[in-house]
Amino acid sequence: GGSLRLSCAASGHIFSSIAMGWFRQAPGKEREFVAAVSWSDGTTYYAD
């Protein structure tokens, strides 16, 4: 029920990409997509 705010500081040629995303990996599981935001217009996408 609590909250956290994660930050991602990026450097390099990040703006050559379409978007930035968050992913997560639990023990014994594959890494999965969580959310993404486009650099250009801020469009967001979320895992269900």
All heavy atoms as atom14 arrays in JSON, in Angstrom:
{
  "sequence": "GGSLRLSCAASGHIFSSIAMGWFRQAPGKEREFVAAVSWSDGTTYYAD",
  "atom14_mask": [
    [1, 1, 1, 1, 0, 0, 0, 0, 0, 0, 0, 0, 0, 0],
    [1, 1, 1, 1, 0, 0, 0, 0, 0, 0, 0, 0, 0, 0],
    [1, 1, 1, 1, 1, 1, 0, 0, 0, 0, 0, 0, 0, 0],
    [1, 1, 1, 1, 1, 1, 1, 1, 0, 0, 0, 0, 0, 0],
    [1, 1, 1, 1, 1, 1, 1, 1, 1, 1, 1, 0, 0, 0],
    [1, 1, 1, 1, 1, 1, 1, 1, 0, 0, 0, 0, 0, 0],
    [1, 1, 1, 1, 1, 1, 0, 0, 0, 0, 0, 0, 0, 0],
    [1, 1, 1, 1, 1, 1, 0, 0, 0, 0, 0, 0, 0, 0],
    [1, 1, 1, 1, 1, 0, 0, 0, 0, 0, 0, 0, 0, 0],
    [1, 1, 1, 1, 1, 0, 0, 0, 0, 0, 0, 0, 0, 0],
    [1, 1, 1, 1, 1, 1, 0, 0, 0, 0, 0, 0, 0, 0],
    [1, 1, 1, 1, 0, 0, 0, 0, 0, 0, 0, 0, 0, 0],
    [1, 1, 1, 1, 1, 1, 1, 1, 1, 1, 0, 0, 0, 0],
    [1, 1, 1, 1, 1, 1, 1, 1, 0, 0, 0, 0, 0, 0],
    [1, 1, 1, 1, 1, 1, 1, 1, 1, 1, 1, 0, 0, 0],
    [1, 1, 1, 1, 1, 1, 0, 0, 0, 0, 0, 0, 0, 0],
    [1, 1, 1, 1, 1, 1, 0, 0, 0, 0, 0, 0, 0, 0],
    [1, 1, 1, 1, 1, 1, 1, 1, 0, 0, 0, 0, 0, 0],
    [1, 1, 1, 1, 1, 0, 0, 0, 0, 0, 0, 0, 0, 0],
    [1, 1, 1, 1, 1, 1, 1, 1, 0, 0, 0, 0, 0, 0],
    [1, 1, 1, 1, 0, 0, 0, 0, 0, 0, 0, 0, 0, 0],
    [1, 1, 1, 1, 1, 1, 1, 1, 1, 1, 1, 1, 1, 1],
    [1, 1, 1, 1, 1, 1, 1, 1, 1, 1, 1, 0, 0, 0],
    [1, 1, 1, 1, 1, 1, 1, 1, 1, 1, 1, 0, 0, 0],
    [1, 1, 1, 1, 1, 1, 1, 1, 1, 0, 0, 0, 0, 0],
    [1, 1, 1, 1, 1, 0, 0, 0, 0, 0, 0, 0, 0, 0],
    [1, 1, 1, 1, 1, 1, 1, 0, 0, 0, 0, 0, 0, 0],
    [1, 1, 1, 1, 0, 0, 0, 0, 0, 0, 0, 0, 0, 0],
    [1, 1, 1, 1, 1, 1, 1, 1, 1, 0, 0, 0, 0, 0],
    [1, 1, 1, 1, 1, 1, 1, 1, 1, 0, 0, 0, 0, 0],
    [1, 1, 1, 1, 1, 1, 1, 1, 1, 1, 1, 0, 0, 0],
    [1, 1, 1, 1, 1, 1, 1, 1, 1, 0, 0, 0, 0, 0],
    [1, 1, 1, 1, 1, 1, 1, 1, 1, 1, 1, 0, 0, 0],
    [1, 1, 1, 1, 1, 1, 1, 0, 0, 0, 0, 0, 0, 0],
    [1, 1, 1, 1, 1, 0, 0, 0, 0, 0, 0, 0, 0, 0],
    [1, 1, 1, 1, 1, 0, 0, 0, 0, 0, 0, 0, 0, 0],
    [1, 1, 1, 1, 1, 1, 1, 0, 0, 0, 0, 0, 0, 0],
    [1, 1, 1, 1, 1, 1, 0, 0, 0, 0, 0, 0, 0, 0],
    [1, 1, 1, 1, 1, 1, 1, 1, 1, 1, 1, 1, 1, 1],
    [1, 1, 1, 1, 1, 1, 0, 0, 0, 0, 0, 0, 0, 0],
    [1, 1, 1, 1, 1, 1, 1, 1, 0, 0, 0, 0, 0, 0],
    [1, 1, 1, 1, 0, 0, 0, 0, 0, 0, 0, 0, 0, 0],
    [1, 1, 1, 1, 1, 1, 1, 0, 0, 0, 0, 0, 0, 0],
    [1, 1, 1, 1, 1, 1, 1, 0, 0, 0, 0, 0, 0, 0],
    [1, 1, 1, 1, 1, 1, 1, 1, 1, 1, 1, 1, 0, 0],
    [1, 1, 1, 1, 1, 1, 1, 1, 1, 1, 1, 1, 0, 0],
    [1, 1, 1, 1, 1, 0, 0, 0, 0, 0, 0, 0, 0, 0],
    [1, 1, 1, 1, 1, 1, 1, 1, 0, 0, 0, 0, 0, 0]
  ],
  "atom14_positions": [
    [[0.79, -1.22, 0.0], [0.0, 0.0, 0.0], [0.82, 1.27, 0.0], [0.27, 2.36, -0.21], [0.0, 0.0, 0.0], [0.0, 0.0, 0.0], [0.0, 0.0, 0.0], [0.0, 0.0, 0.0], [0.0, 0.0, 0.0], [0.0, 0.0, 0.0], [0.0, 0.0, 0.0], [0.0, 0.0, 0.0], [0.0, 0.0, 0.0], [0.0, 0.0, 0.0]],
    [[2.12, 1.14, 0.21], [2.99, 2.29, 0.24], [3.4, 2.76, -1.13], [2.96, 2.24, -2.16], [0.0, 0.0, 0.0], [0.0, 0.0, 0.0], [0.0, 0.0, 0.0], [0.0, 0.0, 0.0], [0.0, 0.0, 0.0], [0.0, 0.0, 0.0], [0.0, 0.0, 0.0], [0.0, 0.0, 0.0], [0.0, 0.0, 0.0], [0.0, 0.0, 0.0]],
    [[4.28, 3.76, -1.14], [4.71, 4.39, -2.38], [6.22, 4.55, -2.42], [6.88, 4.67, -1.39], [4.08, 5.78, -2.54], [2.67, 5.7, -2.62], [0.0, 0.0, 0.0], [0.0, 0.0, 0.0], [0.0, 0.0, 0.0], [0.0, 0.0, 0.0], [0.0, 0.0, 0.0], [0.0, 0.0, 0.0], [0.0, 0.0, 0.0], [0.0, 0.0, 0.0]],
    [[6.76, 4.56, -3.63], [8.15, 4.86, -3.89], [8.24, 5.64, -5.19], [7.39, 5.48, -6.07], [9.01, 3.6, -4.01], [9.38, 2.84, -2.74], [10.06, 1.53, -3.11], [10.3, 3.68, -1.86], [0.0, 0.0, 0.0], [0.0, 0.0, 0.0], [0.0, 0.0, 0.0], [0.0, 0.0, 0.0], [0.0, 0.0, 0.0], [0.0, 0.0, 0.0]],
    [[9.28, 6.45, -5.31], [9.55, 7.16, -6.55], [10.95, 6.81, -7.02], [11.93, 7.13, -6.34], [9.42, 8.67, -6.36], [9.51, 9.46, -7.67], [9.4, 10.95, -7.39], [9.27, 11.73, -8.6], [10.03, 12.79, -8.9], [10.98, 13.18, -8.06], [9.83, 13.45, -10.03], [0.0, 0.0, 0.0], [0.0, 0.0, 0.0], [0.0, 0.0, 0.0]],
    [[11.04, 6.17, -8.15], [12.31, 5.78, -8.72], [12.79, 6.83, -9.71], [11.99, 7.47, -10.39], [12.21, 4.43, -9.44], [11.62, 3.26, -8.64], [11.69, 1.99, -9.48], [12.34, 3.09, -7.32], [0.0, 0.0, 0.0], [0.0, 0.0, 0.0], [0.0, 0.0, 0.0], [0.0, 0.0, 0.0], [0.0, 0.0, 0.0], [0.0, 0.0, 0.0]],
    [[14.1, 6.97, -9.8], [14.7, 7.89, -10.75], [15.71, 7.15, -11.61], [16.36, 6.21, -11.15], [15.42, 9.04, -10.03], [14.51, 9.82, -9.29], [0.0, 0.0, 0.0], [0.0, 0.0, 0.0], [0.0, 0.0, 0.0], [0.0, 0.0, 0.0], [0.0, 0.0, 0.0], [0.0, 0.0, 0.0], [0.0, 0.0, 0.0], [0.0, 0.0, 0.0]],
    [[15.83, 7.57, -12.84], [16.8, 7.02, -13.78], [17.54, 8.16, -14.42], [16.95, 8.93, -15.2], [16.1, 6.16, -14.83], [17.17, 5.66, -16.2], [0.0, 0.0, 0.0], [0.0, 0.0, 0.0], [0.0, 0.0, 0.0], [0.0, 0.0, 0.0], [0.0, 0.0, 0.0], [0.0, 0.0, 0.0], [0.0, 0.0, 0.0], [0.0, 0.0, 0.0]],
    [[18.81, 8.28, -14.1], [19.67, 9.28, -14.71], [20.39, 8.65, -15.89], [21.11, 7.66, -15.72], [20.66, 9.82, -13.7], [0.0, 0.0, 0.0], [0.0, 0.0, 0.0], [0.0, 0.0, 0.0], [0.0, 0.0, 0.0], [0.0, 0.0, 0.0], [0.0, 0.0, 0.0], [0.0, 0.0, 0.0], [0.0, 0.0, 0.0], [0.0, 0.0, 0.0]],
    [[20.19, 9.2, -17.06], [20.75, 8.63, -18.28], [21.76, 9.57, -18.91], [21.64, 10.8, -18.8], [19.63, 8.33, -19.29], [0.0, 0.0, 0.0], [0.0, 0.0, 0.0], [0.0, 0.0, 0.0], [0.0, 0.0, 0.0], [0.0, 0.0, 0.0], [0.0, 0.0, 0.0], [0.0, 0.0, 0.0], [0.0, 0.0, 0.0], [0.0, 0.0, 0.0]],
    [[22.74, 9.0, -19.56], [23.72, 9.77, -20.29], [24.1, 9.02, -21.55], [23.83, 7.83, -21.69], [24.95, 10.06, -19.45], [25.61, 8.87, -19.07], [0.0, 0.0, 0.0], [0.0, 0.0, 0.0], [0.0, 0.0, 0.0], [0.0, 0.0, 0.0], [0.0, 0.0, 0.0], [0.0, 0.0, 0.0], [0.0, 0.0, 0.0], [0.0, 0.0, 0.0]],
    [[24.72, 9.73, -22.48], [25.05, 9.13, -23.76], [24.04, 9.54, -24.82], [23.35, 10.55, -24.68], [0.0, 0.0, 0.0], [0.0, 0.0, 0.0], [0.0, 0.0, 0.0], [0.0, 0.0, 0.0], [0.0, 0.0, 0.0], [0.0, 0.0, 0.0], [0.0, 0.0, 0.0], [0.0, 0.0, 0.0], [0.0, 0.0, 0.0], [0.0, 0.0, 0.0]],
    [[23.96, 8.74, -25.85], [23.1, 9.07, -26.98], [21.68, 8.58, -26.78], [21.12, 7.86, -27.6], [23.7, 8.49, -28.26], [25.04, 9.05, -28.59], [26.03, 8.3, -29.2], [25.57, 10.27, -28.39], [27.11, 9.05, -29.37], [26.86, 10.26, -28.88], [0.0, 0.0, 0.0], [0.0, 0.0, 0.0], [0.0, 0.0, 0.0], [0.0, 0.0, 0.0]],
    [[21.07, 9.03, -25.7], [19.75, 8.54, -25.35], [18.66, 9.07, -26.28], [17.64, 8.41, -26.48], [19.39, 8.86, -23.89], [19.46, 10.37, -23.64], [20.31, 8.11, -22.95], [18.98, 10.78, -22.27], [0.0, 0.0, 0.0], [0.0, 0.0, 0.0], [0.0, 0.0, 0.0], [0.0, 0.0, 0.0], [0.0, 0.0, 0.0], [0.0, 0.0, 0.0]],
    [[18.85, 10.23, -26.83], [17.81, 10.83, -27.67], [17.76, 10.25, -29.07], [16.88, 10.61, -29.85], [17.96, 12.35, -27.71], [17.7, 13.01, -26.39], [18.73, 13.59, -25.68], [16.42, 13.04, -25.85], [18.5, 14.2, -24.46], [16.19, 13.63, -24.63], [17.23, 14.22, -23.92], [0.0, 0.0, 0.0], [0.0, 0.0, 0.0], [0.0, 0.0, 0.0]],
    [[18.66, 9.35, -29.38], [18.53, 8.6, -30.62], [17.51, 7.48, -30.49], [17.1, 6.88, -31.48], [19.89, 8.02, -31.04], [20.36, 7.08, -30.1], [0.0, 0.0, 0.0], [0.0, 0.0, 0.0], [0.0, 0.0, 0.0], [0.0, 0.0, 0.0], [0.0, 0.0, 0.0], [0.0, 0.0, 0.0], [0.0, 0.0, 0.0], [0.0, 0.0, 0.0]],
    [[17.09, 7.2, -29.27], [16.07, 6.2, -29.02], [14.69, 6.82, -29.14], [14.53, 8.04, -29.16], [16.25, 5.57, -27.64], [16.07, 6.54, -26.62], [0.0, 0.0, 0.0], [0.0, 0.0, 0.0], [0.0, 0.0, 0.0], [0.0, 0.0, 0.0], [0.0, 0.0, 0.0], [0.0, 0.0, 0.0], [0.0, 0.0, 0.0], [0.0, 0.0, 0.0]],
    [[13.68, 5.97, -29.2], [12.3, 6.44, -29.31], [11.74, 6.84, -27.96], [11.0, 7.83, -27.84], [11.41, 5.34, -29.94], [11.93, 4.97, -31.33], [9.96, 5.8, -30.01], [11.93, 6.12, -32.3], [0.0, 0.0, 0.0], [0.0, 0.0, 0.0], [0.0, 0.0, 0.0], [0.0, 0.0, 0.0], [0.0, 0.0, 0.0], [0.0, 0.0, 0.0]],
    [[12.11, 6.1, -26.93], [11.52, 6.29, -25.61], [12.45, 5.75, -24.55], [13.47, 5.12, -24.84], [10.17, 5.58, -25.54], [0.0, 0.0, 0.0], [0.0, 0.0, 0.0], [0.0, 0.0, 0.0], [0.0, 0.0, 0.0], [0.0, 0.0, 0.0], [0.0, 0.0, 0.0], [0.0, 0.0, 0.0], [0.0, 0.0, 0.0], [0.0, 0.0, 0.0]],
    [[12.09, 6.01, -23.31], [12.73, 5.4, -22.16], [11.72, 4.54, -21.45], [10.53, 4.87, -21.38], [13.28, 6.45, -21.21], [14.5, 7.19, -21.72], [15.97, 6.12, -21.81], [16.25, 5.77, -20.07], [0.0, 0.0, 0.0], [0.0, 0.0, 0.0], [0.0, 0.0, 0.0], [0.0, 0.0, 0.0], [0.0, 0.0, 0.0], [0.0, 0.0, 0.0]],
    [[12.2, 3.44, -20.91], [11.3, 2.53, -20.23], [11.84, 2.04, -18.91], [13.04, 2.1, -18.64], [0.0, 0.0, 0.0], [0.0, 0.0, 0.0], [0.0, 0.0, 0.0], [0.0, 0.0, 0.0], [0.0, 0.0, 0.0], [0.0, 0.0, 0.0], [0.0, 0.0, 0.0], [0.0, 0.0, 0.0], [0.0, 0.0, 0.0], [0.0, 0.0, 0.0]],
    [[10.92, 1.55, -18.1], [11.25, 0.86, -16.87], [10.92, -0.61, -17.03], [9.88, -0.96, -17.61], [10.47, 1.43, -15.68], [11.0, 2.74, -15.18], [10.56, 3.98, -15.5], [12.07, 2.91, -14.25], [11.29, 4.93, -14.82], [12.23, 4.3, -14.06], [12.93, 2.04, -13.57], [13.19, 4.84, -13.21], [13.89, 2.57, -12.73], [14.01, 3.95, -12.56]],
    [[11.77, -1.45, -16.49], [11.63, -2.9, -16.53], [11.91, -3.43, -15.14], [12.54, -2.76, -14.33], [12.61, -3.5, -17.55], [12.5, -2.89, -18.91], [13.1, -1.67, -19.2], [11.78, -3.52, -19.91], [12.99, -1.09, -20.46], [11.66, -2.95, -21.17], [12.27, -1.75, -21.45], [0.0, 0.0, 0.0], [0.0, 0.0, 0.0], [0.0, 0.0, 0.0]],
    [[11.47, -4.63, -14.86], [11.75, -5.21, -13.56], [11.99, -6.71, -13.7], [11.51, -7.35, -14.62], [10.62, -4.94, -12.57], [9.3, -5.62, -12.91], [8.21, -5.15, -11.96], [6.95, -5.81, -12.21], [5.81, -5.49, -11.62], [5.78, -4.5, -10.72], [4.69, -6.15, -11.9], [0.0, 0.0, 0.0], [0.0, 0.0, 0.0], [0.0, 0.0, 0.0]],
    [[12.73, -7.23, -12.75], [13.04, -8.65, -12.74], [12.98, -9.16, -11.3], [13.74, -8.71, -10.45], [14.41, -8.93, -13.35], [14.72, -10.41, -13.5], [15.96, -10.65, -14.33], [16.83, -9.79, -14.43], [16.03, -11.81, -14.94], [0.0, 0.0, 0.0], [0.0, 0.0, 0.0], [0.0, 0.0, 0.0], [0.0, 0.0, 0.0], [0.0, 0.0, 0.0]],
    [[12.08, -10.08, -11.06], [11.98, -10.73, -9.77], [12.84, -11.98, -9.77], [13.13, -12.54, -10.84], [10.52, -11.09, -9.47], [0.0, 0.0, 0.0], [0.0, 0.0, 0.0], [0.0, 0.0, 0.0], [0.0, 0.0, 0.0], [0.0, 0.0, 0.0], [0.0, 0.0, 0.0], [0.0, 0.0, 0.0], [0.0, 0.0, 0.0], [0.0, 0.0, 0.0]],
    [[13.26, -12.46, -8.6], [14.09, -13.66, -8.55], [13.42, -14.84, -9.25], [12.24, -15.12, -9.02], [14.24, -13.92, -7.04], [14.09, -12.57, -6.42], [13.06, -11.87, -7.27], [0.0, 0.0, 0.0], [0.0, 0.0, 0.0], [0.0, 0.0, 0.0], [0.0, 0.0, 0.0], [0.0, 0.0, 0.0], [0.0, 0.0, 0.0], [0.0, 0.0, 0.0]],
    [[14.17, -15.51, -10.1], [13.66, -16.67, -10.8], [12.73, -16.37, -11.96], [12.18, -17.3, -12.56], [0.0, 0.0, 0.0], [0.0, 0.0, 0.0], [0.0, 0.0, 0.0], [0.0, 0.0, 0.0], [0.0, 0.0, 0.0], [0.0, 0.0, 0.0], [0.0, 0.0, 0.0], [0.0, 0.0, 0.0], [0.0, 0.0, 0.0], [0.0, 0.0, 0.0]],
    [[12.54, -15.11, -12.3], [11.66, -14.73, -13.38], [12.41, -13.93, -14.43], [13.48, -13.38, -14.18], [10.48, -13.9, -12.85], [9.59, -14.63, -11.86], [8.43, -13.77, -11.41], [7.47, -13.48, -12.54], [6.28, -12.7, -12.07], [0.0, 0.0, 0.0], [0.0, 0.0, 0.0], [0.0, 0.0, 0.0], [0.0, 0.0, 0.0], [0.0, 0.0, 0.0]],
    [[11.83, -13.87, -15.62], [12.41, -13.07, -16.69], [12.16, -11.59, -16.45], [11.19, -11.2, -15.79], [11.82, -13.49, -18.04], [12.1, -14.92, -18.44], [13.55, -15.16, -18.76], [14.23, -14.23, -19.22], [14.02, -16.29, -18.53], [0.0, 0.0, 0.0], [0.0, 0.0, 0.0], [0.0, 0.0, 0.0], [0.0, 0.0, 0.0], [0.0, 0.0, 0.0]],
    [[13.01, -10.78, -17.02], [12.81, -9.35, -16.96], [11.55, -8.99, -17.76], [11.33, -9.52, -18.85], [14.02, -8.61, -17.53], [14.1, -7.16, -17.11], [15.16, -6.36, -17.87], [16.35, -7.09, -18.2], [17.49, -7.09, -17.51], [17.59, -6.35, -16.4], [18.53, -7.79, -17.92], [0.0, 0.0, 0.0], [0.0, 0.0, 0.0], [0.0, 0.0, 0.0]],
    [[10.73, -8.1, -17.23], [9.49, -7.74, -17.89], [9.34, -6.23, -18.0], [9.88, -5.46, -17.2], [8.28, -8.31, -17.13], [8.08, -7.73, -15.74], [6.83, -8.23, -15.05], [5.95, -8.77, -15.74], [6.73, -8.08, -13.82], [0.0, 0.0, 0.0], [0.0, 0.0, 0.0], [0.0, 0.0, 0.0], [0.0, 0.0, 0.0], [0.0, 0.0, 0.0]],
    [[8.59, -5.82, -19.0], [8.31, -4.42, -19.23], [7.34, -3.9, -18.19], [6.38, -4.57, -17.83], [7.72, -4.25, -20.64], [7.14, -2.89, -20.89], [7.95, -1.81, -21.19], [5.77, -2.7, -20.84], [7.42, -0.55, -21.42], [5.22, -1.45, -21.07], [6.05, -0.38, -21.36], [0.0, 0.0, 0.0], [0.0, 0.0, 0.0], [0.0, 0.0, 0.0]],
    [[7.58, -2.68, -17.73], [6.71, -2.04, -16.75], [6.02, -0.81, -17.34], [4.8, -0.68, -17.29], [7.49, -1.65, -15.48], [6.6, -0.87, -14.52], [8.07, -2.88, -14.81], [0.0, 0.0, 0.0], [0.0, 0.0, 0.0], [0.0, 0.0, 0.0], [0.0, 0.0, 0.0], [0.0, 0.0, 0.0], [0.0, 0.0, 0.0], [0.0, 0.0, 0.0]],
    [[6.8, 0.12, -17.87], [6.25, 1.37, -18.37], [7.24, 2.03, -19.31], [8.45, 1.74, -19.26], [5.91, 2.32, -17.21], [0.0, 0.0, 0.0], [0.0, 0.0, 0.0], [0.0, 0.0, 0.0], [0.0, 0.0, 0.0], [0.0, 0.0, 0.0], [0.0, 0.0, 0.0], [0.0, 0.0, 0.0], [0.0, 0.0, 0.0], [0.0, 0.0, 0.0]],
    [[6.77, 2.92, -20.15], [7.64, 3.66, -21.07], [7.06, 5.03, -21.32], [5.84, 5.25, -21.19], [7.8, 2.91, -22.39], [0.0, 0.0, 0.0], [0.0, 0.0, 0.0], [0.0, 0.0, 0.0], [0.0, 0.0, 0.0], [0.0, 0.0, 0.0], [0.0, 0.0, 0.0], [0.0, 0.0, 0.0], [0.0, 0.0, 0.0], [0.0, 0.0, 0.0]],
    [[7.93, 5.96, -21.68], [7.52, 7.31, -22.04], [8.35, 7.76, -23.23], [9.57, 7.59, -23.24], [7.65, 8.28, -20.84], [9.09, 8.35, -20.33], [7.15, 9.67, -21.22], [0.0, 0.0, 0.0], [0.0, 0.0, 0.0], [0.0, 0.0, 0.0], [0.0, 0.0, 0.0], [0.0, 0.0, 0.0], [0.0, 0.0, 0.0], [0.0, 0.0, 0.0]],
    [[7.69, 8.32, -24.24], [8.41, 8.77, -25.42], [9.13, 10.08, -25.14], [8.64, 10.93, -24.38], [7.46, 8.94, -26.6], [6.57, 10.03, -26.39], [0.0, 0.0, 0.0], [0.0, 0.0, 0.0], [0.0, 0.0, 0.0], [0.0, 0.0, 0.0], [0.0, 0.0, 0.0], [0.0, 0.0, 0.0], [0.0, 0.0, 0.0], [0.0, 0.0, 0.0]],
    [[10.31, 10.24, -25.75], [11.02, 11.5, -25.6], [10.31, 12.64, -26.29], [10.32, 13.77, -25.81], [12.43, 11.38, -26.18], [13.39, 10.57, -25.39], [14.06, 9.45, -25.8], [13.82, 10.8, -24.04], [14.88, 8.98, -24.8], [14.75, 9.8, -23.71], [13.51, 11.78, -23.08], [15.38, 9.73, -22.46], [14.12, 11.71, -21.83], [15.04, 10.69, -21.54]],
    [[9.69, 12.36, -27.44], [9.17, 13.42, -28.28], [7.95, 14.12, -27.71], [7.91, 15.35, -27.62], [8.85, 12.87, -29.68], [7.9, 11.82, -29.59], [0.0, 0.0, 0.0], [0.0, 0.0, 0.0], [0.0, 0.0, 0.0], [0.0, 0.0, 0.0], [0.0, 0.0, 0.0], [0.0, 0.0, 0.0], [0.0, 0.0, 0.0], [0.0, 0.0, 0.0]],
    [[6.93, 13.35, -27.34], [5.68, 13.97, -26.91], [5.18, 13.5, -25.56], [4.08, 13.88, -25.13], [4.59, 13.77, -27.97], [4.25, 12.31, -28.21], [4.79, 11.44, -27.5], [3.45, 12.04, -29.11], [0.0, 0.0, 0.0], [0.0, 0.0, 0.0], [0.0, 0.0, 0.0], [0.0, 0.0, 0.0], [0.0, 0.0, 0.0], [0.0, 0.0, 0.0]],
    [[5.95, 12.66, -24.88], [5.57, 12.23, -23.55], [4.49, 11.17, -23.5], [3.95, 10.91, -22.42], [0.0, 0.0, 0.0], [0.0, 0.0, 0.0], [0.0, 0.0, 0.0], [0.0, 0.0, 0.0], [0.0, 0.0, 0.0], [0.0, 0.0, 0.0], [0.0, 0.0, 0.0], [0.0, 0.0, 0.0], [0.0, 0.0, 0.0], [0.0, 0.0, 0.0]],
    [[4.19, 10.54, -24.62], [3.21, 9.46, -24.62], [3.67, 8.34, -23.7], [4.84, 7.96, -23.72], [3.01, 8.92, -26.04], [2.56, 9.98, -26.89], [1.98, 7.8, -26.06], [0.0, 0.0, 0.0], [0.0, 0.0, 0.0], [0.0, 0.0, 0.0], [0.0, 0.0, 0.0], [0.0, 0.0, 0.0], [0.0, 0.0, 0.0], [0.0, 0.0, 0.0]],
    [[2.76, 7.83, -22.91], [3.11, 6.8, -21.93], [2.46, 5.47, -22.26], [1.4, 5.41, -22.9], [2.7, 7.24, -20.52], [1.29, 7.52, -20.5], [3.47, 8.47, -20.09], [0.0, 0.0, 0.0], [0.0, 0.0, 0.0], [0.0, 0.0, 0.0], [0.0, 0.0, 0.0], [0.0, 0.0, 0.0], [0.0, 0.0, 0.0], [0.0, 0.0, 0.0]],
    [[3.09, 4.41, -21.79], [2.63, 3.05, -21.98], [2.86, 2.3, -20.68], [3.87, 2.51, -20.01], [3.39, 2.36, -23.12], [3.4, 3.14, -24.41], [4.35, 4.12, -24.65], [2.44, 2.89, -25.39], [4.36, 4.84, -25.83], [2.44, 3.61, -26.58], [3.4, 4.58, -26.79], [3.4, 5.29, -27.96], [0.0, 0.0, 0.0], [0.0, 0.0, 0.0]],
    [[1.94, 1.41, -20.33], [2.04, 0.68, -19.09], [1.68, -0.78, -19.27], [0.79, -1.12, -20.04], [1.1, 1.27, -18.03], [1.42, 2.69, -17.66], [0.78, 3.76, -18.26], [2.38, 2.97, -16.68], [1.07, 5.07, -17.92], [2.68, 4.27, -16.33], [2.03, 5.32, -16.95], [2.32, 6.62, -16.6], [0.0, 0.0, 0.0], [0.0, 0.0, 0.0]],
    [[2.37, -1.62, -18.53], [1.94, -3.0, -18.42], [0.62, -3.06, -17.68], [0.35, -2.24, -16.79], [2.99, -3.83, -17.69], [0.0, 0.0, 0.0], [0.0, 0.0, 0.0], [0.0, 0.0, 0.0], [0.0, 0.0, 0.0], [0.0, 0.0, 0.0], [0.0, 0.0, 0.0], [0.0, 0.0, 0.0], [0.0, 0.0, 0.0], [0.0, 0.0, 0.0]],
    [[-0.22, -4.02, -18.03], [-1.52, -4.14, -17.38], [-1.39, -4.29, -15.87], [-2.25, -3.81, -15.12], [-2.29, -5.32, -17.95], [-2.78, -5.07, -19.36], [-2.82, -3.91, -19.79], [-3.15, -6.05, -20.04], [0.0, 0.0, 0.0], [0.0, 0.0, 0.0], [0.0, 0.0, 0.0], [0.0, 0.0, 0.0], [0.0, 0.0, 0.0], [0.0, 0.0, 0.0]]
  ]
}
